[in-house]
């Protein structure tokens, strides 16, 4: 098994989406294990943030666990990630999103190795994974739900109620927990929260969503299964929702707005990547991990999908446009 894993690691380094940065001038070796596939927009944002901070000082090696498109393969990819860790002996590790914690950091690294490990994109409460630990700290990911709901009321003042839809995965479960904890502070009434696994479930919800929800907040849609039993991407699920629900749709990320949601106050993977990289750099330069506290994302940016707004005949008032980024929907 170890021989197979070693050969797999060498193959991954040569062929399978593992990149390096600034190898010649590198002071540190960093292993980055990302839960999702390389072309996932959220992953691209995280990588951008990491490289912005670490590129001048580090050689960065990436491994993608692909758990959105191949959930069953996650444990095998985590085993490969650990074999890669042993082969590289990195000075630090970054692990992005919840699947990388469950399958890789907790069973292989937490409290078992001296290497500093920084997580990011974690939706669950850190206590679920025993964080912070002697060698683990990092960045929590929380959606700007309250701010997004206030924003849609500015865009569309008739909004009084909100419903939520997310994939039934750890990120979706965490969002439901966040909404339950915060909903008393929201500027609209929360009507329902739906965790779904299949497009058929969305179709069964359509009438309820149309009659009881003035706006729909969506997140973590990737991986919802289509009629052909294939996992869909965010764009495909938003197309289904657009056919089923004609009201304003909010998203948690920029790419969701670009792909069909009306608007959002977004969280960004760049913030997650930059913050985690800065924390890791601090640890690799000698600060004990125990003195680097767990933090959560704080930056929000207002985004408006002009294509969607115009298609529904909504007038954009100057007060709403102030400070907002306008995007056209991607084809």
Protein backbone atom coordinates (compact mmCIF):
# COMPACT_ATOMS: atom_id res chain seq x y z
CA UNK A 1 0.00 0.00 0.00
CA UNK A 2 2.79 2.42 0.89
CA UNK A 3 4.48 1.73 -2.46
CA UNK A 4 1.22 2.40 -4.28
CA UNK A 5 0.72 5.65 -2.39
CA UNK A 6 4.30 6.77 -3.08
CA UNK A 7 3.84 6.11 -6.78
CA UNK A 8 0.51 7.94 -6.66
CA UNK A 9 2.17 10.93 -4.99
CA UNK A 10 4.88 11.07 -7.63
CA UNK A 11 2.25 10.87 -10.35
CA UNK A 12 0.22 13.63 -8.70
CA UNK A 13 3.24 15.88 -8.49
CA UNK A 14 3.98 15.32 -12.15
CA UNK A 15 0.53 15.28 -13.70
CA UNK A 16 -2.53 15.97 -11.61
CA UNK A 17 -3.07 19.60 -10.82
CA UNK A 18 -0.39 20.11 -8.21
CA UNK A 19 1.32 23.47 -8.73
CA UNK A 20 4.44 25.06 -7.33
CA UNK A 21 5.32 28.70 -6.85
CA UNK A 22 8.70 30.40 -6.45
CA UNK A 23 10.59 27.13 -6.06
CA UNK A 24 14.02 28.66 -6.65
CA UNK A 25 13.77 31.35 -3.99
CA UNK A 26 11.58 29.47 -1.53
CA UNK A 27 12.36 29.54 2.18
CA UNK A 28 9.43 27.34 3.13
CA UNK A 29 7.65 24.31 1.72
CA UNK A 30 3.87 24.50 2.06
CA UNK A 31 1.31 21.79 1.35
CA UNK A 32 -2.20 23.03 0.55
CA UNK A 33 -4.98 20.45 0.62
CA UNK A 34 -8.29 21.70 -0.79
CA UNK A 35 -11.56 19.83 -0.36
CA UNK A 36 -12.92 20.60 -3.81
CA UNK A 37 -11.90 20.25 -7.45
CA UNK A 38 -9.36 22.54 -9.09
CA UNK A 39 -11.86 24.34 -11.35
CA UNK A 40 -14.31 25.09 -8.52
CA UNK A 41 -14.64 28.93 -8.40
CA UNK A 42 -14.34 29.04 -4.59
CA UNK A 43 -11.11 27.03 -4.78
CA UNK A 44 -9.74 29.44 -7.35
CA UNK A 45 -10.40 32.36 -5.01
CA UNK A 46 -8.69 30.61 -2.09
CA UNK A 47 -5.64 29.75 -4.17
CA UNK A 48 -5.40 33.35 -5.36
CA UNK A 49 -5.36 34.59 -1.77
CA UNK A 50 -2.79 32.02 -0.65
CA UNK A 51 -0.42 32.78 -3.49
CA UNK A 52 -0.68 36.52 -2.97
CA UNK A 53 0.79 36.08 0.52
CA UNK A 54 3.07 33.05 0.21
CA UNK A 55 4.44 33.25 -3.32
CA UNK A 56 7.46 35.45 -2.37
CA UNK A 57 8.61 33.13 0.40
CA UNK A 58 7.33 29.63 -0.25
CA UNK A 59 7.17 26.67 -2.56
CA UNK A 60 3.50 25.73 -2.64
CA UNK A 61 2.23 22.25 -3.51
CA UNK A 62 -1.51 21.69 -4.03
CA UNK A 63 -3.70 18.62 -3.77
CA UNK A 64 -7.42 18.68 -4.53
CA UNK A 65 -9.67 16.12 -2.82
CA UNK A 66 -12.51 16.64 -5.35
CA UNK A 67 -15.22 15.91 -2.80
CA UNK A 68 -17.90 17.98 -4.57
CA UNK A 69 -17.75 15.86 -7.72
CA UNK A 70 -16.56 12.58 -6.16
CA UNK A 71 -17.62 12.43 -2.49
CA UNK A 72 -16.90 8.70 -2.21
CA UNK A 73 -13.30 9.25 -3.32
CA UNK A 74 -12.57 11.74 -0.53
CA UNK A 75 -11.02 9.30 1.97
CA UNK A 76 -8.72 7.87 -0.70
CA UNK A 77 -7.58 11.36 -1.70
CA UNK A 78 -7.00 12.19 1.98
CA UNK A 79 -4.77 9.13 2.25
CA UNK A 80 -2.88 10.35 -0.79
CA UNK A 81 -2.60 13.79 0.82
CA UNK A 82 -0.97 12.25 3.89
CA UNK A 83 1.46 10.27 1.74
CA UNK A 84 2.30 13.52 -0.03
CA UNK A 85 2.78 15.20 3.35
CA UNK A 86 5.24 12.48 4.43
CA UNK A 87 7.11 12.73 1.15
CA UNK A 88 7.40 16.53 1.19
CA UNK A 89 7.91 17.07 4.93
CA UNK A 90 6.49 20.60 4.53
CA UNK A 91 7.13 23.48 6.91
CA UNK A 92 3.41 24.18 7.03
CA UNK A 93 0.02 22.96 5.85
CA UNK A 94 -3.16 24.78 4.81
CA UNK A 95 -6.37 22.74 4.64
CA UNK A 96 -9.40 24.31 3.00
CA UNK A 97 -13.08 23.63 3.79
CA UNK A 98 -14.72 21.07 6.03
CA UNK A 99 -14.10 17.84 4.14
CA UNK A 100 -10.35 18.38 4.38
CA UNK A 101 -10.71 18.66 8.16
CA UNK A 102 -12.85 15.55 8.58
CA UNK A 103 -10.93 13.31 6.21
CA UNK A 104 -7.37 14.65 6.37
CA UNK A 105 -6.39 16.98 9.22
CA UNK A 106 -8.24 15.31 12.11
CA UNK A 107 -7.24 11.68 11.40
CA UNK A 108 -3.70 12.35 10.15
CA UNK A 109 -2.27 15.63 11.45
CA UNK A 110 -4.12 17.13 14.43
CA UNK A 111 -1.99 16.59 17.53
CA UNK A 112 0.09 13.97 15.70
CA UNK A 113 2.73 16.04 13.93
CA UNK A 114 4.73 19.17 14.88
CA UNK A 115 3.91 20.89 11.59
CA UNK A 116 1.68 23.99 11.91
CA UNK A 117 -1.68 23.43 10.21
CA UNK A 118 -3.96 26.33 9.29
CA UNK A 119 -7.53 25.64 8.20
CA UNK A 120 -9.76 27.95 6.21
CA UNK A 121 -13.26 27.86 4.78
CA UNK A 122 -14.56 25.93 7.81
CA UNK A 123 -18.32 26.24 8.18
CA UNK A 124 -18.85 24.06 11.23
CA UNK A 125 -18.15 25.17 14.78
CA UNK A 126 -14.42 24.66 15.38
CA UNK A 127 -15.20 22.49 18.41
CA UNK A 128 -16.58 19.84 16.05
CA UNK A 129 -13.00 19.11 14.98
CA UNK A 130 -11.35 19.76 18.33
CA UNK A 131 -10.00 23.13 17.18
CA UNK A 132 -7.94 24.95 18.13
CA UNK A 133 -5.42 22.18 18.76
CA UNK A 134 -1.74 22.19 19.68
CA UNK A 135 -0.75 22.46 16.02
CA UNK A 136 -4.01 23.64 14.37
CA UNK A 137 -5.74 27.01 14.11
CA UNK A 138 -7.35 28.91 11.28
CA UNK A 139 -10.17 30.82 9.65
CA UNK A 140 -13.89 30.14 9.92
CA UNK A 141 -16.22 30.85 6.99
CA UNK A 142 -19.53 32.57 7.71
CA UNK A 143 -22.00 33.92 5.16
CA UNK A 144 -23.07 37.58 5.32
CA UNK A 145 -26.73 36.62 5.58
CA UNK A 146 -28.03 39.59 7.57
CA UNK A 147 -26.24 42.05 5.32
CA UNK A 148 -27.48 40.32 2.15
CA UNK A 149 -31.09 40.41 3.35
CA UNK A 150 -30.78 44.11 4.18
CA UNK A 151 -29.30 44.66 0.72
CA UNK A 152 -32.16 42.93 -1.12
CA UNK A 153 -34.64 45.08 0.81
CA UNK A 154 -32.87 48.12 -0.58
CA UNK A 155 -33.06 46.68 -4.08
CA UNK A 156 -36.61 45.36 -3.73
CA UNK A 157 -38.39 46.97 -0.74
CA UNK A 158 -41.40 44.63 -0.96
CA UNK A 159 -39.32 41.74 0.45
CA UNK A 160 -40.64 40.73 3.89
CA UNK A 161 -39.87 37.00 4.08
CA UNK A 162 -36.91 34.80 3.19
CA UNK A 163 -36.36 31.10 2.58
CA UNK A 164 -33.08 29.23 2.29
CA UNK A 165 -31.90 26.39 0.06
CA UNK A 166 -28.58 24.55 0.33
CA UNK A 167 -27.14 21.17 -0.46
CA UNK A 168 -27.36 18.69 2.40
CA UNK A 169 -23.60 18.76 3.06
CA UNK A 170 -21.56 20.09 6.01
CA UNK A 171 -21.53 23.64 4.59
CA UNK A 172 -25.30 23.59 4.18
CA UNK A 173 -25.83 22.22 7.67
CA UNK A 174 -23.55 24.91 9.08
CA UNK A 175 -25.47 27.63 7.25
CA UNK A 176 -28.70 26.32 8.75
CA UNK A 177 -27.16 26.51 12.21
CA UNK A 178 -25.99 30.07 11.55
CA UNK A 179 -29.45 31.11 10.38
CA UNK A 180 -31.11 29.55 13.42
CA UNK A 181 -28.74 31.45 15.71
CA UNK A 182 -29.03 34.80 13.91
CA UNK A 183 -32.55 34.94 12.49
CA UNK A 184 -33.87 37.13 15.31
CA UNK A 185 -31.57 39.90 14.05
CA UNK A 186 -32.57 39.66 10.38
CA UNK A 187 -34.56 42.48 8.71
CA UNK A 188 -37.05 39.97 7.28
CA UNK A 189 -38.87 36.93 8.63
CA UNK A 190 -37.29 33.52 7.98
CA UNK A 191 -39.98 31.19 6.65
CA UNK A 192 -38.09 27.95 6.02
CA UNK A 193 -34.72 26.33 5.43
CA UNK A 194 -34.47 23.46 2.94
CA UNK A 195 -31.55 21.04 2.74
CA UNK A 196 -31.78 19.11 -0.51
CA UNK A 197 -29.83 16.40 -2.27
CA UNK A 198 -31.62 16.10 -5.63
CA UNK A 199 -33.15 18.35 -8.25
CA UNK A 200 -36.41 16.45 -7.80
CA UNK A 201 -36.63 17.79 -4.25
CA UNK A 202 -36.32 21.35 -5.56
CA UNK A 203 -39.14 20.70 -8.01
CA UNK A 204 -41.35 19.42 -5.20
CA UNK A 205 -40.62 22.60 -3.22
CA UNK A 206 -41.38 24.96 -6.09
CA UNK A 207 -44.98 25.85 -5.18
CA UNK A 208 -44.10 26.44 -1.53
CA UNK A 209 -41.15 28.67 -2.45
CA UNK A 210 -43.25 30.74 -4.86
CA UNK A 211 -46.10 31.29 -2.40
CA UNK A 212 -44.29 31.83 0.90
CA UNK A 213 -40.86 33.29 0.10
CA UNK A 214 -40.28 36.89 -1.03
CA UNK A 215 -36.59 36.11 -1.51
CA UNK A 216 -34.47 32.98 -1.63
CA UNK A 217 -30.96 32.74 -0.16
CA UNK A 218 -28.89 29.92 -1.66
CA UNK A 219 -25.43 28.57 -0.94
CA UNK A 220 -23.41 25.35 -1.35
CA UNK A 221 -25.52 24.17 -4.29
CA UNK A 222 -22.69 22.24 -5.96
CA UNK A 223 -23.15 18.49 -5.87
CA UNK A 224 -26.96 18.45 -5.89
CA UNK A 225 -27.81 15.45 -8.05
CA UNK A 226 -29.63 15.90 -11.37
CA UNK A 227 -32.18 13.63 -13.04
CA UNK A 228 -29.39 11.64 -14.66
CA UNK A 229 -27.88 10.99 -11.19
CA UNK A 230 -24.88 13.21 -11.93
CA UNK A 231 -23.68 15.88 -9.47
CA UNK A 232 -24.48 19.34 -10.83
CA UNK A 233 -22.42 22.51 -10.52
CA UNK A 234 -23.69 25.78 -9.09
CA UNK A 235 -24.60 27.21 -12.50
CA UNK A 236 -26.79 24.22 -13.39
CA UNK A 237 -28.66 24.27 -10.09
CA UNK A 238 -29.27 28.02 -10.37
CA UNK A 239 -30.77 27.47 -13.84
CA UNK A 240 -33.21 24.98 -12.31
CA UNK A 241 -34.08 27.40 -9.52
CA UNK A 242 -34.53 30.20 -12.02
CA UNK A 243 -37.19 28.14 -13.80
CA UNK A 244 -38.95 27.23 -10.57
CA UNK A 245 -38.78 30.55 -8.69
CA UNK A 246 -39.20 33.99 -10.22
CA UNK A 247 -38.38 36.10 -7.16
CA UNK A 248 -35.05 37.57 -6.08
CA UNK A 249 -32.33 35.01 -5.38
CA UNK A 250 -29.40 35.83 -3.11
CA UNK A 251 -26.06 34.00 -3.01
CA UNK A 252 -23.15 33.84 -0.63
CA UNK A 253 -20.33 34.19 -3.18
CA UNK A 254 -19.45 36.31 -6.19
CA UNK A 255 -19.60 33.40 -8.63
CA UNK A 256 -23.16 32.64 -7.53
CA UNK A 257 -24.20 36.18 -8.44
CA UNK A 258 -22.32 35.99 -11.73
CA UNK A 259 -24.11 32.73 -12.52
CA UNK A 260 -27.69 33.78 -11.80
CA UNK A 261 -28.40 35.13 -8.31
CA UNK A 262 -29.65 38.72 -8.21
CA UNK A 263 -27.30 40.08 -5.57
CA UNK A 264 -25.34 39.40 -2.40
CA UNK A 265 -23.05 40.77 0.20
CA UNK A 266 -20.39 38.23 -0.56
CA UNK A 267 -17.73 36.45 1.39
CA UNK A 268 -14.57 35.80 -0.59
CA UNK A 269 -12.15 32.94 -0.93
CA UNK A 270 -9.40 35.51 -1.36
CA UNK A 271 -9.96 36.68 2.22
CA UNK A 272 -9.92 33.07 3.42
CA UNK A 273 -6.71 32.30 1.53
CA UNK A 274 -4.88 35.48 2.47
CA UNK A 275 -5.79 35.24 6.16
CA UNK A 276 -4.80 31.58 6.43
CA UNK A 277 -1.54 32.18 4.55
CA UNK A 278 -0.62 35.10 6.80
CA UNK A 279 -1.32 32.97 9.88
CA UNK A 280 0.80 30.13 8.51
CA UNK A 281 3.66 32.46 7.63
CA UNK A 282 3.60 33.74 11.19
CA UNK A 283 3.73 30.17 12.53
CA UNK A 284 6.53 29.11 10.18
CA UNK A 285 8.54 32.11 11.35
CA UNK A 286 8.36 30.91 14.93
CA UNK A 287 5.12 32.02 16.58
CA UNK A 288 3.58 29.06 18.48
CA UNK A 289 0.30 27.95 16.90
CA UNK A 290 -1.35 28.19 20.32
CA UNK A 291 -0.76 31.95 20.26
CA UNK A 292 -2.54 32.39 16.91
CA UNK A 293 -6.28 32.50 17.64
CA UNK A 294 -9.05 31.15 15.44
CA UNK A 295 -10.68 33.98 13.49
CA UNK A 296 -13.65 34.37 11.15
CA UNK A 297 -14.04 36.25 7.89
CA UNK A 298 -15.23 39.84 8.23
CA UNK A 299 -14.99 41.48 4.81
CA UNK A 300 -18.14 41.82 2.73
CA UNK A 301 -18.69 43.24 -0.74
CA UNK A 302 -22.00 44.18 -2.32
CA UNK A 303 -22.50 42.60 -5.74
CA UNK A 304 -25.41 43.12 -8.16
CA UNK A 305 -26.21 40.97 -11.19
CA UNK A 306 -27.38 43.70 -13.57
CA UNK A 307 -28.61 41.13 -16.11
CA UNK A 308 -30.96 39.52 -13.60
CA UNK A 309 -32.15 42.85 -12.19
CA UNK A 310 -32.94 44.25 -15.64
CA UNK A 311 -34.70 41.05 -16.71
CA UNK A 312 -37.14 41.47 -13.81
CA UNK A 313 -37.74 45.16 -14.41
CA UNK A 314 -36.22 46.37 -11.14
CA UNK A 315 -34.96 49.97 -11.14
CA UNK A 316 -31.53 50.49 -9.59
CA UNK A 317 -31.61 53.60 -7.41
CA UNK A 318 -28.39 55.61 -6.89
CA UNK A 319 -28.36 54.91 -3.14
CA UNK A 320 -28.28 51.16 -3.87
CA UNK A 321 -25.54 51.47 -6.46
CA UNK A 322 -23.21 53.42 -4.17
CA UNK A 323 -20.24 51.18 -3.32
CA UNK A 324 -21.65 48.13 -5.12
CA UNK A 325 -19.92 46.09 -7.82
CA UNK A 326 -22.02 45.50 -10.93
CA UNK A 327 -21.59 42.27 -12.90
CA UNK A 328 -23.18 40.87 -16.02
CA UNK A 329 -24.44 37.31 -15.85
CA UNK A 330 -22.11 34.77 -17.38
CA UNK A 331 -23.59 32.92 -20.39
